[in-house]
Amino acid sequence: MHLETYLTFDGNCREVFEFYREVFGGEFSFISTFGEGPPGMGIAEDEQDRIMHVSLPIGASVLMGSDSSRAFGPAPEAGSNFSLSVTPDSREQCDELFAKLSAGGNATTPMQDMFWGAYFGQVTDKFGIQWMINFDTAPQQG
């Protein structure tokens, strides 16, 4: 299991991650816009170029991020625009962590198979901390 930080922005994610890439060096291991996502996500035309997901390896960690979309709710506020992303070792561990973290909190996205090849869920715990639980179900290439 490992833990990473996930940042969310209101339209300037690309600018922010270009800055972090200059600061820390390296290259994005993944970057995609909402326009490159599957149809039917409900993303407005003027938000298609926003970042749906970006990953920047920094040492043994990965800094991840995205832009928000009106399709998913209000814009994030600076200072509370982050989540902790945990990658468990199994689907069962995902379900266990999700149940424990959501006790007294708010399960915002139930654990489910997602289009990017992961078993994924989101929860805000009883202390107001946002968590993403992501288990890669896609076959690994290598």
Protein backbone atom coordinates (compact mmCIF):
# COMPACT_ATOMS: atom_id res chain seq x y z
CA MET A 1 0.00 0.00 0.00
CA HIS A 2 1.21 3.52 -0.65
CA LEU A 3 -0.09 7.04 -0.06
CA GLU A 4 0.10 10.02 -2.44
CA THR A 5 -1.23 13.60 -2.53
CA TYR A 6 -3.88 14.64 -5.07
CA LEU A 7 -4.42 18.36 -5.80
CA THR A 8 -7.52 19.86 -7.44
CA PHE A 9 -7.68 23.23 -9.19
CA ASP A 10 -10.24 25.47 -10.90
CA GLY A 11 -8.84 25.57 -14.42
CA ASN A 12 -5.14 26.20 -13.81
CA CYS A 13 -3.92 22.64 -13.13
CA ARG A 14 -1.74 22.59 -16.26
CA GLU A 15 0.01 25.84 -15.19
CA VAL A 16 0.52 24.53 -11.65
CA PHE A 17 1.96 21.19 -12.78
CA GLU A 18 4.22 22.83 -15.38
CA PHE A 19 5.60 24.90 -12.48
CA TYR A 20 6.11 21.80 -10.30
CA ARG A 21 7.78 20.01 -13.22
CA GLU A 22 10.24 22.92 -13.50
CA VAL A 23 10.84 22.90 -9.75
CA PHE A 24 11.28 19.13 -9.27
CA GLY A 25 12.34 18.06 -12.77
CA GLY A 26 11.21 14.95 -14.58
CA GLU A 27 8.34 14.33 -16.95
CA PHE A 28 4.64 13.65 -16.52
CA SER A 29 3.95 9.93 -16.41
CA PHE A 30 0.36 10.69 -17.46
CA ILE A 31 -1.64 13.73 -18.54
CA SER A 32 -5.14 13.82 -20.01
CA THR A 33 -7.91 16.39 -20.52
CA PHE A 34 -11.63 15.99 -19.94
CA GLY A 35 -12.05 16.16 -23.71
CA GLU A 36 -10.03 12.95 -23.98
CA GLY A 37 -12.33 11.17 -21.49
CA PRO A 38 -15.24 8.92 -22.35
CA PRO A 39 -18.40 10.48 -23.79
CA GLY A 40 -21.27 11.19 -21.45
CA MET A 41 -19.25 12.65 -18.57
CA GLY A 42 -21.35 15.84 -18.71
CA ILE A 43 -18.36 18.15 -19.10
CA ALA A 44 -19.23 21.57 -20.58
CA GLU A 45 -17.64 22.53 -23.90
CA ASP A 46 -15.63 25.33 -22.26
CA GLU A 47 -14.10 22.80 -19.80
CA GLN A 48 -12.96 20.17 -22.33
CA ASP A 49 -9.31 21.38 -22.22
CA ARG A 50 -9.15 21.23 -18.43
CA ILE A 51 -6.90 18.55 -16.96
CA MET A 52 -8.79 15.38 -16.01
CA HIS A 53 -5.68 13.77 -14.52
CA VAL A 54 -1.93 14.41 -14.36
CA SER A 55 0.82 12.45 -12.58
CA LEU A 56 4.29 13.82 -11.88
CA PRO A 57 6.79 11.39 -10.31
CA ILE A 58 8.91 13.07 -7.63
CA GLY A 59 11.47 10.69 -6.18
CA ALA A 60 9.67 7.61 -4.88
CA SER A 61 6.33 9.49 -4.77
CA VAL A 62 3.87 10.78 -7.35
CA LEU A 63 2.14 14.16 -7.16
CA MET A 64 -1.25 13.90 -8.87
CA GLY A 65 -3.82 16.47 -9.83
CA SER A 66 -6.78 17.58 -11.89
CA ASP A 67 -9.02 20.51 -12.60
CA SER A 68 -12.53 20.65 -11.24
CA SER A 69 -15.61 20.75 -13.44
CA ARG A 70 -19.04 22.25 -12.83
CA ALA A 71 -20.35 18.76 -13.71
CA PHE A 72 -18.92 17.48 -10.42
CA GLY A 73 -19.86 20.33 -8.08
CA PRO A 74 -18.49 23.65 -6.89
CA ALA A 75 -14.94 24.77 -7.58
CA PRO A 76 -12.34 23.87 -4.96
CA GLU A 77 -11.07 26.48 -2.52
CA ALA A 78 -7.34 27.06 -2.14
CA GLY A 79 -6.12 25.44 1.04
CA SER A 80 -8.72 22.67 0.97
CA ASN A 81 -8.12 21.59 -2.63
CA PHE A 82 -6.34 18.32 -1.88
CA SER A 83 -7.10 14.68 -1.18
CA LEU A 84 -4.97 11.86 0.08
CA SER A 85 -4.83 9.03 -2.43
CA VAL A 86 -4.22 5.54 -1.06
CA THR A 87 -3.44 2.55 -3.26
CA PRO A 88 -4.29 -0.65 -1.38
CA ASP A 89 -2.96 -4.09 -2.31
CA SER A 90 -6.38 -5.64 -3.11
CA ARG A 91 -10.04 -4.92 -3.81
CA GLU A 92 -10.86 -6.35 -0.39
CA GLN A 93 -8.48 -3.93 1.30
CA CYS A 94 -10.13 -1.09 -0.66
CA ASP A 95 -13.55 -2.07 0.69
CA GLU A 96 -12.20 -2.36 4.25
CA LEU A 97 -10.49 1.05 4.14
CA PHE A 98 -13.52 2.66 2.51
CA ALA A 99 -15.83 1.32 5.24
CA LYS A 100 -13.53 2.48 8.04
CA LEU A 101 -12.86 5.93 6.56
CA SER A 102 -16.53 6.59 5.81
CA ALA A 103 -17.68 5.71 9.37
CA GLY A 104 -19.01 9.02 10.66
CA GLY A 105 -17.99 10.71 7.43
CA ASN A 106 -19.44 11.05 3.94
CA ALA A 107 -19.00 8.45 1.19
CA THR A 108 -18.94 10.70 -1.88
CA THR A 109 -18.19 8.07 -4.58
CA PRO A 110 -18.90 4.42 -3.72
CA MET A 111 -16.21 1.86 -4.57
CA GLN A 112 -16.73 0.88 -8.21
CA ASP A 113 -14.91 -0.16 -11.37
CA MET A 114 -13.92 2.91 -13.37
CA PHE A 115 -13.19 3.54 -17.05
CA TRP A 116 -9.45 4.04 -16.44
CA GLY A 117 -9.03 0.46 -15.23
CA ALA A 118 -9.28 0.92 -11.47
CA TYR A 119 -11.52 0.01 -8.58
CA PHE A 120 -12.07 3.48 -7.10
CA GLY A 121 -13.99 5.36 -4.43
CA GLN A 122 -13.92 8.70 -2.60
CA VAL A 123 -14.81 9.54 0.97
CA THR A 124 -14.56 12.50 3.30
CA ASP A 125 -13.75 11.21 6.77
CA LYS A 126 -15.34 12.45 10.00
CA PHE A 127 -12.50 14.99 10.36
CA GLY A 128 -13.15 16.57 6.92
CA ILE A 129 -10.16 14.96 5.16
CA GLN A 130 -10.85 13.86 1.60
CA TRP A 131 -9.61 10.40 0.56
CA MET A 132 -9.33 8.65 -2.80
CA ILE A 133 -8.99 4.87 -2.79
CA ASN A 134 -7.64 3.54 -6.07
CA PHE A 135 -6.73 -0.08 -6.89
CA ASP A 136 -5.37 -0.67 -10.41
CA THR A 137 -7.33 -3.53 -11.99
CA ALA A 138 -5.87 -3.14 -15.49
CA PRO A 139 -3.23 -5.71 -16.50
CA GLN A 140 0.26 -4.34 -15.97
CA GLN A 141 2.44 -3.97 -19.04
CA GLY A 142 6.12 -4.39 -18.79
